[in-house]
C-alpha atoms as a PDB file:
ATOM      1  CA  MET A   1      16.053  27.903 -30.051  1.00  0.00           C
ATOM      2  CA  ARG A   2      16.883  24.962 -32.707  1.00  0.00           C
ATOM      3  CA  ILE A   3      19.863  23.908 -30.466  1.00  0.00           C
ATOM      4  CA  GLN A   4      17.773  24.162 -27.170  1.00  0.00           C
ATOM      5  CA  ARG A   5      15.186  21.812 -28.820  1.00  0.00           C
ATOM      6  CA  CYS A   6      17.786  19.462 -30.124  1.00  0.00           C
ATOM      7  CA  PHE A   7      19.547  19.264 -26.765  1.00  0.00           C
ATOM      8  CA  ALA A   8      16.056  18.684 -25.248  1.00  0.00           C
ATOM      9  CA  ARG A   9      15.391  15.673 -27.247  1.00  0.00           C
ATOM     10  CA  ILE A  10      18.948  14.115 -26.734  1.00  0.00           C
ATOM     11  CA  PHE A  11      18.006  14.464 -22.834  1.00  0.00           C
ATOM     12  CA  GLY A  12      14.883  12.934 -23.178  1.00  0.00           C
ATOM     13  CA  VAL A  13      16.295  10.118 -25.048  1.00  0.00           C
ATOM     14  CA  ILE A  14      18.999   9.628 -22.298  1.00  0.00           C
ATOM     15  CA  ALA A  15      16.135  10.123 -19.451  1.00  0.00           C
ATOM     16  CA  ALA A  16      14.541   7.326 -21.101  1.00  0.00           C
ATOM     17  CA  CYS A  17      17.458   4.910 -21.359  1.00  0.00           C
ATOM     18  CA  LEU A  18      18.210   5.569 -17.778  1.00  0.00           C
ATOM     19  CA  LEU A  19      14.875   4.956 -16.623  1.00  0.00           C
ATOM     20  CA  LEU A  20      14.512   1.668 -18.692  1.00  0.00           C
ATOM     21  CA  GLY A  21      18.087   0.182 -17.333  1.00  0.00           C
ATOM     22  CA  ALA A  22      17.282   1.185 -14.014  1.00  0.00           C
ATOM     23  CA  SER A  23      13.919  -0.840 -14.303  1.00  0.00           C
ATOM     24  CA  VAL A  24      15.485  -3.710 -15.418  1.00  0.00           C
ATOM     25  CA  LEU A  25      18.745  -3.716 -13.065  1.00  0.00           C
ATOM     26  CA  ALA A  26      16.084  -3.366 -10.203  1.00  0.00           C
ATOM     27  CA  GLN A  27      13.970  -6.246 -11.509  1.00  0.00           C
ATOM     28  CA  SER A  28      16.912  -8.574 -12.127  1.00  0.00           C
ATOM     29  CA  GLY A  29      17.007 -11.563  -9.555  1.00  0.00           C
ATOM     30  CA  GLU A  30      13.297 -11.866  -9.163  1.00  0.00           C
ATOM     31  CA  THR A  31      12.339 -15.319  -8.702  1.00  0.00           C
ATOM     32  CA  ALA A  32       8.240 -15.202  -8.554  1.00  0.00           C
ATOM     33  CA  ALA A  33       6.305 -17.200 -10.869  1.00  0.00           C
ATOM     34  CA  PRO A  34       5.794 -15.282 -14.357  1.00  0.00           C
ATOM     35  CA  PRO A  35       2.555 -13.676 -14.211  1.00  0.00           C
ATOM     36  CA  ILE A  36      -0.398 -14.702 -16.398  1.00  0.00           C
ATOM     37  CA  LYS A  37      -0.539 -12.478 -19.509  1.00  0.00           C
ATOM     38  CA  CYS A  38      -3.839 -11.000 -20.710  1.00  0.00           C
ATOM     39  CA  HIS A  39      -4.982 -10.796 -24.477  1.00  0.00           C
ATOM     40  CA  ARG A  40      -7.348  -7.963 -23.648  1.00  0.00           C
ATOM     41  CA  SER A  41      -5.493  -4.582 -23.891  1.00  0.00           C
ATOM     42  CA  VAL A  42      -5.661  -2.556 -20.433  1.00  0.00           C
ATOM     43  CA  SER A  43      -3.991   0.562 -22.198  1.00  0.00           C
ATOM     44  CA  THR A  44      -6.830   1.485 -24.473  1.00  0.00           C
ATOM     45  CA  PRO A  45      -7.513   4.942 -23.982  1.00  0.00           C
ATOM     46  CA  VAL A  46     -10.635   5.844 -21.654  1.00  0.00           C
ATOM     47  CA  LYS A  47     -12.157   8.617 -19.925  1.00  0.00           C
ATOM     48  CA  CYS A  48     -11.454   8.323 -16.390  1.00  0.00           C
ATOM     49  CA  LEU A  49     -14.615   8.652 -14.268  1.00  0.00           C
ATOM     50  CA  ARG A  50     -14.539   8.764 -10.497  1.00  0.00           C
ATOM     51  CA  PRO A  51     -16.046   5.239  -9.342  1.00  0.00           C
ATOM     52  CA  SER A  52     -18.727   5.140  -6.568  1.00  0.00           C
ATOM     53  CA  SER A  53     -18.405   3.452  -3.026  1.00  0.00           C
ATOM     54  CA  PRO A  54     -20.820   2.384  -0.490  1.00  0.00           C
ATOM     55  CA  ALA A  55     -18.488   3.919   2.258  1.00  0.00           C
ATOM     56  CA  VAL A  56     -19.270   7.499   3.496  1.00  0.00           C
ATOM     57  CA  GLU A  57     -16.854  10.480   4.523  1.00  0.00           C
ATOM     58  CA  CYS A  58     -15.956  10.161   8.107  1.00  0.00           C
ATOM     59  CA  PRO A  59     -18.170  12.330  10.374  1.00  0.00           C
ATOM     60  CA  GLY A  60     -16.707  15.456  11.763  1.00  0.00           C
ATOM     61  CA  THR A  61     -13.083  16.545  11.518  1.00  0.00           C
ATOM     62  CA  ASN A  62      -9.778  15.351  12.731  1.00  0.00           C
ATOM     63  CA  SER A  63      -6.669  17.450  13.390  1.00  0.00           C
ATOM     64  CA  THR A  64      -4.424  15.342  10.999  1.00  0.00           C
ATOM     65  CA  GLY A  65      -6.154  16.767   7.871  1.00  0.00           C
ATOM     66  CA  LEU A  66      -6.123  13.202   6.402  1.00  0.00           C
ATOM     67  CA  HIS A  67      -9.110  12.302   4.217  1.00  0.00           C
ATOM     68  CA  CYS A  68     -11.259   9.472   5.748  1.00  0.00           C
ATOM     69  CA  MET A  69     -14.081   7.455   5.107  1.00  0.00           C
ATOM     70  CA  THR A  70     -15.877   4.579   7.075  1.00  0.00           C
ATOM     71  CA  TYR A  71     -18.327   1.787   6.413  1.00  0.00           C
ATOM     72  CA  GLY A  72     -20.077  -0.519   8.885  1.00  0.00           C
ATOM     73  CA  ASP A  73     -20.585  -0.406  12.788  1.00  0.00           C
ATOM     74  CA  GLY A  74     -19.221  -1.766  15.599  1.00  0.00           C
ATOM     75  CA  ASP A  75     -15.120  -2.201  16.652  1.00  0.00           C
ATOM     76  CA  PRO A  76     -12.829  -0.132  14.608  1.00  0.00           C
ATOM     77  CA  MET A  77     -10.574  -1.590  11.838  1.00  0.00           C
ATOM     78  CA  ARG A  78      -8.301   0.870  10.758  1.00  0.00           C
ATOM     79  CA  ALA A  79      -6.956   0.046   7.356  1.00  0.00           C
ATOM     80  CA  VAL A  80      -3.725   1.983   5.867  1.00  0.00           C
ATOM     81  CA  HIS A  81      -2.823   1.504   2.261  1.00  0.00           C
ATOM     82  CA  GLY A  82       0.338   1.477   0.474  1.00  0.00           C
ATOM     83  CA  LEU A  83       2.650   3.721  -1.424  1.00  0.00           C
ATOM     84  CA  GLY A  84       1.283   5.169  -4.399  1.00  0.00           C
ATOM     85  CA  ALA A  85      -2.296   3.639  -3.735  1.00  0.00           C
ATOM     86  CA  SER A  86      -5.274   5.007  -1.501  1.00  0.00           C
ATOM     87  CA  ILE A  87      -8.619   4.416   0.170  1.00  0.00           C
ATOM     88  CA  TYR A  88      -9.501   2.821  -3.302  1.00  0.00           C
ATOM     89  CA  THR A  89      -7.813  -0.210  -2.584  1.00  0.00           C
ATOM     90  CA  TRP A  90     -10.167  -1.360  -0.031  1.00  0.00           C
ATOM     91  CA  ARG A  91     -12.800  -0.868  -2.162  1.00  0.00           C
ATOM     92  CA  LYS A  92     -13.894  -4.787  -2.489  1.00  0.00           C
ATOM     93  CA  LEU A  93     -13.928  -5.142   1.385  1.00  0.00           C
ATOM     94  CA  VAL A  94     -16.942  -2.860   1.528  1.00  0.00           C
ATOM     95  CA  GLU A  95     -18.909  -4.116  -1.438  1.00  0.00           C
ATOM     96  CA  PRO A  96     -22.449  -5.464  -0.377  1.00  0.00           C
ATOM     97  CA  PRO A  97     -22.925  -7.765   1.353  1.00  0.00           C
ATOM     98  CA  TYR A  98     -20.522  -6.392   4.066  1.00  0.00           C
ATOM     99  CA  ARG A  99     -18.543  -9.237   5.423  1.00  0.00           C
ATOM    100  CA  PHE A 100     -17.472  -7.968   8.554  1.00  0.00           C
ATOM    101  CA  PRO A 101     -20.504  -7.346  10.908  1.00  0.00           C
ATOM    102  CA  GLY A 102     -19.567  -5.837  14.311  1.00  0.00           C
ATOM    103  CA  TYR A 103     -16.607  -4.104  12.556  1.00  0.00           C
ATOM    104  CA  LYS A 104     -16.403  -0.626  11.475  1.00  0.00           C
ATOM    105  CA  LEU A 105     -13.754  -0.432   8.323  1.00  0.00           C
ATOM    106  CA  ILE A 106     -11.917   2.867   8.854  1.00  0.00           C
ATOM    107  CA  MET A 107     -10.011   3.947   5.852  1.00  0.00           C
ATOM    108  CA  VAL A 108      -7.688   7.222   5.665  1.00  0.00           C
ATOM    109  CA  ASP A 109      -5.485   8.265   2.717  1.00  0.00           C
ATOM    110  CA  LEU A 110      -2.006   8.902   4.133  1.00  0.00           C
ATOM    111  CA  ARG A 111      -0.276  12.298   3.863  1.00  0.00           C
ATOM    112  CA  GLY A 112       0.576  12.770   0.138  1.00  0.00           C
ATOM    113  CA  SER A 113      -1.655  10.309  -1.174  1.00  0.00           C
ATOM    114  CA  GLY A 114      -5.135  10.069  -2.284  1.00  0.00           C
ATOM    115  CA  ASP A 115      -7.244  12.911  -1.459  1.00  0.00           C
ATOM    116  CA  SER A 116      -5.129  13.882   1.705  1.00  0.00           C
ATOM    117  CA  PRO A 117      -3.267  17.228   1.630  1.00  0.00           C
ATOM    118  CA  LYS A 118       0.157  17.042  -0.631  1.00  0.00           C
ATOM    119  CA  PRO A 119       2.145  20.174   0.466  1.00  0.00           C
ATOM    120  CA  ARG A 120       5.238  20.842  -1.052  1.00  0.00           C
ATOM    121  CA  ASP A 121       7.273  20.083   1.900  1.00  0.00           C
ATOM    122  CA  LYS A 122       9.410  17.302   3.016  1.00  0.00           C
ATOM    123  CA  HIS A 123       7.379  15.819   6.194  1.00  0.00           C
ATOM    124  CA  TYR A 124       6.739  12.592   4.415  1.00  0.00           C
ATOM    125  CA  SER A 125       8.890  10.227   6.364  1.00  0.00           C
ATOM    126  CA  ILE A 126       7.363   6.799   7.393  1.00  0.00           C
ATOM    127  CA  LEU A 127       7.654   7.983  11.240  1.00  0.00           C
ATOM    128  CA  GLU A 128       5.800  10.888  10.561  1.00  0.00           C
ATOM    129  CA  GLN A 129       3.139   9.212   8.615  1.00  0.00           C
ATOM    130  CA  ALA A 130       2.991   6.775  11.549  1.00  0.00           C
ATOM    131  CA  ASP A 131       2.795   9.815  14.068  1.00  0.00           C
ATOM    132  CA  LEU A 132      -0.408  10.645  11.903  1.00  0.00           C
ATOM    133  CA  ILE A 133      -1.755   7.336  12.247  1.00  0.00           C
ATOM    134  CA  TYR A 134      -1.143   7.177  16.006  1.00  0.00           C
ATOM    135  CA  GLN A 135      -2.615  10.732  16.353  1.00  0.00           C
ATOM    136  CA  PHE A 136      -5.774   9.803  14.382  1.00  0.00           C
ATOM    137  CA  ILE A 137      -6.083   6.668  16.766  1.00  0.00           C
ATOM    138  CA  GLN A 138      -5.915   8.799  19.839  1.00  0.00           C
ATOM    139  CA  GLU A 139      -8.276  11.664  18.594  1.00  0.00           C
ATOM    140  CA  GLN A 140     -11.013   9.262  17.719  1.00  0.00           C
ATOM    141  CA  ASN A 141     -10.384   7.397  21.090  1.00  0.00           C
ATOM    142  CA  LEU A 142     -10.357   4.155  18.627  1.00  0.00           C
ATOM    143  CA  ARG A 143     -10.231   1.275  21.358  1.00  0.00           C
ATOM    144  CA  ASN A 144     -10.630  -2.637  20.678  1.00  0.00           C
ATOM    145  CA  LEU A 145      -8.776  -1.620  17.639  1.00  0.00           C
ATOM    146  CA  THR A 146      -7.753  -4.005  14.771  1.00  0.00           C
ATOM    147  CA  LEU A 147      -4.941  -2.285  12.702  1.00  0.00           C
ATOM    148  CA  MET A 148      -4.742  -3.557   8.989  1.00  0.00           C
ATOM    149  CA  GLY A 149      -1.863  -2.346   6.640  1.00  0.00           C
ATOM    150  CA  HIS A 150      -0.908  -3.133   3.205  1.00  0.00           C
ATOM    151  CA  SER A 151       2.719  -3.195   1.978  1.00  0.00           C
ATOM    152  CA  TYR A 152       4.051   0.303   2.681  1.00  0.00           C
ATOM    153  CA  GLY A 153       1.016   0.719   4.921  1.00  0.00           C
ATOM    154  CA  GLY A 154       1.789  -2.487   6.655  1.00  0.00           C
ATOM    155  CA  ALA A 155       5.279  -1.102   7.591  1.00  0.00           C
ATOM    156  CA  VAL A 156       3.487   2.091   9.008  1.00  0.00           C
ATOM    157  CA  SER A 157       1.009  -0.109  10.872  1.00  0.00           C
ATOM    158  CA  LEU A 158       4.255  -1.968  12.349  1.00  0.00           C
ATOM    159  CA  LEU A 159       5.499   1.340  13.787  1.00  0.00           C
ATOM    160  CA  VAL A 160       2.173   1.854  15.290  1.00  0.00           C
ATOM    161  CA  ALA A 161       1.600  -1.233  16.783  1.00  0.00           C
ATOM    162  CA  ILE A 162       5.038  -0.995  18.524  1.00  0.00           C
ATOM    163  CA  ARG A 163       4.068   2.205  19.905  1.00  0.00           C
ATOM    164  CA  LEU A 164       0.745   1.331  21.035  1.00  0.00           C
ATOM    165  CA  CYS A 165       1.717  -2.202  22.416  1.00  0.00           C
ATOM    166  CA  LYS A 166       4.518  -0.196  24.380  1.00  0.00           C
ATOM    167  CA  GLN A 167       2.537   3.328  25.455  1.00  0.00           C
ATOM    168  CA  ASP A 168      -1.153   2.366  25.483  1.00  0.00           C
ATOM    169  CA  PRO A 169      -1.491  -1.321  25.995  1.00  0.00           C
ATOM    170  CA  GLY A 170      -4.970  -2.360  25.757  1.00  0.00           C
ATOM    171  CA  ARG A 171      -6.254  -0.312  22.825  1.00  0.00           C
ATOM    172  CA  LEU A 172      -5.002  -2.486  20.338  1.00  0.00           C
ATOM    173  CA  SER A 173      -6.508  -5.841  19.934  1.00  0.00           C
ATOM    174  CA  LYS A 174      -5.438  -7.584  16.650  1.00  0.00           C
ATOM    175  CA  LEU A 175      -2.865  -6.742  13.682  1.00  0.00           C
ATOM    176  CA  ILE A 176      -3.160  -7.725   9.939  1.00  0.00           C
ATOM    177  CA  LEU A 177      -0.264  -7.129   7.919  1.00  0.00           C
ATOM    178  CA  ILE A 178      -0.977  -7.678   3.568  1.00  0.00           C
ATOM    179  CA  ASP A 179       2.003  -8.255   1.714  1.00  0.00           C
ATOM    180  CA  SER A 180       3.924  -5.623   3.961  1.00  0.00           C
ATOM    181  CA  GLY A 181       6.821  -3.952   4.216  1.00  0.00           C
ATOM    182  CA  GLY A 182       9.199  -3.820   7.316  1.00  0.00           C
ATOM    183  CA  TYR A 183      12.639  -4.639   6.381  1.00  0.00           C
ATOM    184  CA  ASN A 184      15.525  -2.842   4.341  1.00  0.00           C
ATOM    185  CA  LYS A 185      15.953  -5.755   2.142  1.00  0.00           C
ATOM    186  CA  LEU A 186      14.325  -7.235  -1.027  1.00  0.00           C
ATOM    187  CA  LEU A 187      13.154  -3.790  -1.670  1.00  0.00           C
ATOM    188  CA  ALA A 188      10.378  -3.273  -4.360  1.00  0.00           C
ATOM    189  CA  SER A 189      11.744  -2.372  -7.701  1.00  0.00           C
ATOM    190  CA  HIS A 190       9.649   0.947  -8.186  1.00  0.00           C
ATOM    191  CA  LEU A 191      10.836   1.902  -4.709  1.00  0.00           C
ATOM    192  CA  LYS A 192      14.306   1.385  -5.738  1.00  0.00           C
ATOM    193  CA  ILE A 193      13.895   3.592  -8.679  1.00  0.00           C
ATOM    194  CA  LEU A 194      11.789   6.337  -6.907  1.00  0.00           C
ATOM    195  CA  ARG A 195      14.632   6.600  -4.330  1.00  0.00           C
ATOM    196  CA  THR A 196      17.636   6.908  -7.271  1.00  0.00           C
ATOM    197  CA  PRO A 197      18.846  10.272  -7.577  1.00  0.00           C
ATOM    198  CA  LEU A 198      17.523  11.983 -10.734  1.00  0.00           C
ATOM    199  CA  ILE A 199      16.221   8.604 -12.364  1.00  0.00           C
ATOM    200  CA  GLY A 200      13.431   8.831  -9.665  1.00  0.00           C
ATOM    201  CA  TRP A 201      12.466  12.513 -10.568  1.00  0.00           C
ATOM    202  CA  LEU A 202      12.648  11.757 -14.180  1.00  0.00           C
ATOM    203  CA  GLY A 203      10.477   8.873 -13.923  1.00  0.00           C
ATOM    204  CA  VAL A 204       7.876  10.720 -12.146  1.00  0.00           C
ATOM    205  CA  HIS A 205       7.983  13.764 -14.350  1.00  0.00           C
ATOM    206  CA  LEU A 206       8.368  12.011 -17.693  1.00  0.00           C
ATOM    207  CA  LEU A 207       5.512   9.607 -17.335  1.00  0.00           C
ATOM    208  CA  SER A 208       2.224  10.143 -17.427  1.00  0.00           C
ATOM    209  CA  PRO A 209      -0.010   9.231 -14.215  1.00  0.00           C
ATOM    210  CA  LYS A 210      -1.649   6.453 -16.056  1.00  0.00           C
ATOM    211  CA  ALA A 211       1.305   5.142 -17.481  1.00  0.00           C
ATOM    212  CA  GLN A 212       3.191   5.029 -13.830  1.00  0.00           C
ATOM    213  CA  ALA A 213       0.105   3.297 -12.434  1.00  0.00           C
ATOM    214  CA  LYS A 214      -0.084   0.871 -15.335  1.00  0.00           C
ATOM    215  CA  LYS A 215       3.605   0.000 -14.862  1.00  0.00           C
ATOM    216  CA  VAL A 216       3.080  -0.595 -11.108  1.00  0.00           C
ATOM    217  CA  LEU A 217       0.053  -2.592 -11.295  1.00  0.00           C
ATOM    218  CA  LEU A 218       1.164  -5.018 -13.885  1.00  0.00           C
ATOM    219  CA  ALA A 219       4.091  -5.858 -11.445  1.00  0.00           C
ATOM    220  CA  ALA A 220       1.812  -6.211  -8.748  1.00  0.00           C
ATOM    221  CA  TYR A 221      -0.706  -8.600 -10.279  1.00  0.00           C
ATOM    222  CA  TYR A 222      -0.072 -12.338 -11.129  1.00  0.00           C
ATOM    223  CA  ASP A 223      -3.236 -12.245 -13.301  1.00  0.00           C
ATOM    224  CA  HIS A 224      -3.057  -9.211 -15.512  1.00  0.00           C
ATOM    225  CA  CYS A 225      -6.420  -9.970 -16.808  1.00  0.00           C
ATOM    226  CA  LYS A 226      -7.855  -8.686 -13.556  1.00  0.00           C
ATOM    227  CA  ILE A 227      -6.422  -5.311 -13.997  1.00  0.00           C
ATOM    228  CA  SER A 228      -9.300  -2.696 -15.180  1.00  0.00           C
ATOM    229  CA  ASP A 229      -9.116   0.616 -16.911  1.00  0.00           C
ATOM    230  CA  GLU A 230     -10.965   1.923 -13.547  1.00  0.00           C
ATOM    231  CA  GLN A 231      -7.848   0.718 -11.580  1.00  0.00           C
ATOM    232  CA  ILE A 232      -5.267   2.463 -13.852  1.00  0.00           C
ATOM    233  CA  CYS A 233      -7.112   5.768 -13.723  1.00  0.00           C
ATOM    234  CA  GLU A 234      -7.904   5.644 -10.015  1.00  0.00           C
ATOM    235  CA  TYR A 235      -4.132   4.741  -9.285  1.00  0.00           C
ATOM    236  CA  GLY A 236      -2.887   7.659 -11.344  1.00  0.00           C
ATOM    237  CA  ARG A 237      -5.364  10.112 -10.591  1.00  0.00           C
ATOM    238  CA  PRO A 238      -3.736  11.358  -7.072  1.00  0.00           C
ATOM    239  CA  ILE A 239      -0.369  11.549  -8.972  1.00  0.00           C
ATOM    240  CA  GLY A 240      -1.565  13.929 -11.474  1.00  0.00           C
ATOM    241  CA  LEU A 241      -3.027  16.358  -8.631  1.00  0.00           C
ATOM    242  CA  PRO A 242      -1.302  19.363  -7.570  1.00  0.00           C
ATOM    243  CA  GLY A 243       1.929  18.330  -5.470  1.00  0.00           C
ATOM    244  CA  GLY A 244       1.317  14.937  -6.207  1.00  0.00           C
ATOM    245  CA  ARG A 245       4.533  14.023  -8.050  1.00  0.00           C
ATOM    246  CA  HIS A 246       6.394  15.829  -5.282  1.00  0.00           C
ATOM    247  CA  ALA A 247       4.699  13.670  -2.504  1.00  0.00           C
ATOM    248  CA  LEU A 248       5.246  10.406  -4.062  1.00  0.00           C
ATOM    249  CA  LEU A 249       8.678  11.128  -4.596  1.00  0.00           C
ATOM    250  CA  GLN A 250       9.206  12.309  -0.911  1.00  0.00           C
ATOM    251  CA  ILE A 251       7.376   9.110   0.467  1.00  0.00           C
ATOM    252  CA  ALA A 252       9.676   6.916  -1.389  1.00  0.00           C
ATOM    253  CA  LYS A 253      12.712   8.717  -0.439  1.00  0.00           C
ATOM    254  CA  GLN A 254      11.805   8.603   3.325  1.00  0.00           C
ATOM    255  CA  ALA A 255      10.197   5.246   3.238  1.00  0.00           C
ATOM    256  CA  ILE A 256      13.121   3.577   5.359  1.00  0.00           C
ATOM    257  CA  PRO A 257      14.124   5.016   8.840  1.00  0.00           C
ATOM    258  CA  LYS A 258      17.700   5.769   9.233  1.00  0.00           C
ATOM    259  CA  ASN A 259      17.833   3.571  12.338  1.00  0.00           C
ATOM    260  CA  ILE A 260      15.326   0.936  11.064  1.00  0.00           C
ATOM    261  CA  ASP A 261      17.307  -1.724  12.883  1.00  0.00           C
ATOM    262  CA  GLU A 262      16.200  -0.444  16.095  1.00  0.00           C
ATOM    263  CA  TYR A 263      12.377  -0.721  14.888  1.00  0.00           C
ATOM    264  CA  THR A 264      12.646  -4.091  13.456  1.00  0.00           C
ATOM    265  CA  SER A 265      14.362  -5.336  16.751  1.00  0.00           C
ATOM    266  CA  GLN A 266      11.016  -4.523  18.540  1.00  0.00           C
ATOM    267  CA  TYR A 267       8.849  -6.639  16.367  1.00  0.00           C
ATOM    268  CA  SER A 268       8.834  -9.116  18.898  1.00  0.00           C
ATOM    269  CA  LYS A 269       7.385  -6.715  21.288  1.00  0.00           C
ATOM    270  CA  ILE A 270       4.206  -6.812  19.303  1.00  0.00           C
ATOM    271  CA  SER A 271       2.001  -8.627  21.656  1.00  0.00           C
ATOM    272  CA  VAL A 272      -1.475  -9.030  20.007  1.00  0.00           C
ATOM    273  CA  PRO A 273      -2.712 -11.647  17.513  1.00  0.00           C
ATOM    274  CA  THR A 274      -1.226 -10.958  14.290  1.00  0.00           C
ATOM    275  CA  LEU A 275      -2.307 -12.188  10.763  1.00  0.00           C
ATOM    276  CA  ILE A 276       0.108 -12.126   7.718  1.00  0.00           C
ATOM    277  CA  LEU A 277      -1.476 -12.617   4.743  1.00  0.00           C
ATOM    278  CA  TRP A 278       0.630 -13.078   1.232  1.00  0.00           C
ATOM    279  CA  GLY A 279       0.239 -13.582  -2.357  1.00  0.00           C
ATOM    280  CA  LEU A 280       2.495 -16.517  -3.081  1.00  0.00           C
ATOM    281  CA  ASP A 281       3.500 -14.736  -6.513  1.00  0.00           C
ATOM    282  CA  ASP A 282       4.257 -11.517  -5.021  1.00  0.00           C
ATOM    283  CA  LYS A 283       7.357 -10.112  -6.926  1.00  0.00           C
ATOM    284  CA  ILE A 284       6.939  -6.818  -5.266  1.00  0.00           C
ATOM    285  CA  VAL A 285       7.433  -7.933  -1.628  1.00  0.00           C
ATOM    286  CA  PRO A 286       8.591 -11.618  -1.783  1.00  0.00           C
ATOM    287  CA  LEU A 287       7.049 -14.106   0.257  1.00  0.00           C
ATOM    288  CA  LYS A 288      10.489 -14.185   2.498  1.00  0.00           C
ATOM    289  CA  ILE A 289       9.396 -10.877   3.940  1.00  0.00           C
ATOM    290  CA  GLY A 290       6.443 -12.334   5.136  1.00  0.00           C
ATOM    291  CA  LYS A 291       8.195 -15.583   6.574  1.00  0.00           C
ATOM    292  CA  MET A 292      10.629 -12.916   8.624  1.00  0.00           C
ATOM    293  CA  LEU A 293       7.738 -10.982  10.011  1.00  0.00           C
ATOM    294  CA  HIS A 294       6.239 -14.642  11.211  1.00  0.00           C
ATOM    295  CA  GLN A 295       9.346 -15.322  12.781  1.00  0.00           C
ATOM    296  CA  ALA A 296       9.960 -12.047  14.344  1.00  0.00           C
ATOM    297  CA  ILE A 297       6.179 -11.617  15.767  1.00  0.00           C
ATOM    298  CA  PRO A 298       5.331 -13.944  18.530  1.00  0.00           C
ATOM    299  CA  ARG A 299       1.236 -14.438  18.052  1.00  0.00           C
ATOM    300  CA  SER A 300       1.640 -14.673  14.520  1.00  0.00           C
ATOM    301  CA  ARG A 301       0.233 -16.802  11.708  1.00  0.00           C
ATOM    302  CA  LEU A 302       1.185 -16.723   8.267  1.00  0.00           C
ATOM    303  CA  GLU A 303      -1.439 -17.522   5.425  1.00  0.00           C
ATOM    304  CA  ILE A 304      -0.537 -18.054   1.764  1.00  0.00           C
ATOM    305  CA  ILE A 305      -2.757 -17.277  -1.170  1.00  0.00           C
ATOM    306  CA  ASN A 306      -1.911 -19.246  -4.581  1.00  0.00           C
ATOM    307  CA  ASN A 307      -1.919 -17.543  -7.908  1.00  0.00           C
ATOM    308  CA  CYS A 308      -1.826 -13.961  -6.418  1.00  0.00           C
ATOM    309  CA  GLY A 309       0.650 -11.119  -6.567  1.00  0.00           C
ATOM    310  CA  HIS A 310       1.251  -8.192  -4.226  1.00  0.00           C
ATOM    311  CA  ASN A 311      -2.563  -7.005  -4.012  1.00  0.00           C
ATOM    312  CA  PRO A 312      -4.678  -9.931  -2.517  1.00  0.00           C
ATOM    313  CA  GLN A 313      -7.318  -7.574  -1.508  1.00  0.00           C
ATOM    314  CA  GLU A 314      -7.730  -6.549  -4.975  1.00  0.00           C
ATOM    315  CA  GLU A 315      -6.744  -9.474  -7.095  1.00  0.00           C
ATOM    316  CA  THR A 316      -8.135 -12.162  -4.984  1.00  0.00           C
ATOM    317  CA  PRO A 317     -10.839 -10.350  -2.756  1.00  0.00           C
ATOM    318  CA  GLU A 318     -12.941 -13.468  -1.843  1.00  0.00           C
ATOM    319  CA  GLU A 319      -9.966 -15.441  -0.272  1.00  0.00           C
ATOM    320  CA  THR A 320      -8.679 -12.241   1.522  1.00  0.00           C
ATOM    321  CA  ILE A 321     -11.926 -11.398   2.980  1.00  0.00           C
ATOM    322  CA  CYS A 322     -12.128 -15.365   4.015  1.00  0.00           C
ATOM    323  CA  TYR A 323      -9.011 -15.326   5.699  1.00  0.00           C
ATOM    324  CA  ILE A 324      -9.562 -11.793   7.656  1.00  0.00           C
ATOM    325  CA  SER A 325     -13.186 -13.289   8.660  1.00  0.00           C
ATOM    326  CA  GLU A 326     -11.747 -16.248   9.963  1.00  0.00           C
ATOM    327  CA  PHE A 327      -8.968 -14.294  12.109  1.00  0.00           C
ATOM    328  CA  LEU A 328     -11.683 -12.046  13.203  1.00  0.00           C
ATOM    329  CA  GLY A 329     -14.003 -14.984  14.564  1.00  0.00           C
ATOM    330  CA  LEU A 330     -16.584 -14.233  11.987  1.00  0.00           C
ATOM    331  CA  SER A 331     -16.146 -17.068   9.494  1.00  0.00           C
ATOM    332  CA  PHE A 332     -17.202 -20.700  10.267  1.00  0.00           C
ATOM    333  CA  ARG A 333     -16.125 -21.916   6.587  1.00  0.00           C
ATOM    334  CA  PRO A 334     -12.703 -22.890   5.840  1.00  0.00           C
ATOM    335  CA  CYS A 335     -10.451 -20.960   3.858  1.00  0.00           C
ATOM    336  CA  PRO A 336      -8.808 -22.416   0.734  1.00  0.00           C
ATOM    337  CA  LYS A 337      -5.227 -23.552   1.312  1.00  0.00           C
END
């Protein structure tokens, strides 16, 4: 028994060293501006309480089984969150007063994320995630649709947009990509770690859900002072749910299609007006990816938010709302440049 405990400790130390080494290697070469460090601790132990939201559960049911919440009335605006995130990432967009009159914001947790099912299977590929979003759009008969995706959710949205433009032209009206994935290049550090055999499993199982959430949020934010205890709790919560760690690993492992070049070559066929919104200081998905998307999508415009990292909808919500409103034709005041 003593020998087993000794080996367990040695294994733990080795695992921690592997994880730290992988993290350092994965982050080497990043050129984004240094983040603003905050002297206020964001790691003080707190009791995690579920935050309230003005959004409501989607009426009825859907065969996808995905957890859904909605806010507002009018033309549908379907929001797709990023890797390790959930509906929670859009909370600033629904805070009163609501800034998108004439639009119904529809927020859905992807399979394996938030409060959606997390079965212990391998059906978590980005293509399967896109199929579920497409199925949801068809089931709910969403028309004159604005599709909005952040990070990994942006990559999912690109796949859905390609399919809608090809198979159901006229249903999709606009596309919004926020610090979006979309290429097998300049991959995020935490995605590299999660996709690395053994190291990814060790990282997810040795670190607490809150520790994982804090690590990613610190990388995502330019201004660390804006990270709250509530965020750390709510980002970590789904990881700690039954099947949460399994789902996170599977989503990461299957985040890039084997035939991704076949899809990136079709970005030029996305025919709807597209807003590409980026944090200048994003060191998770660098601005270079945004410029590549802008060059590839014919009717796109690229807007950059200064002093902002990977999560503009959370770190700089006023600027993000302004650019989205302007793009939707709702705002008459110029957005900050």
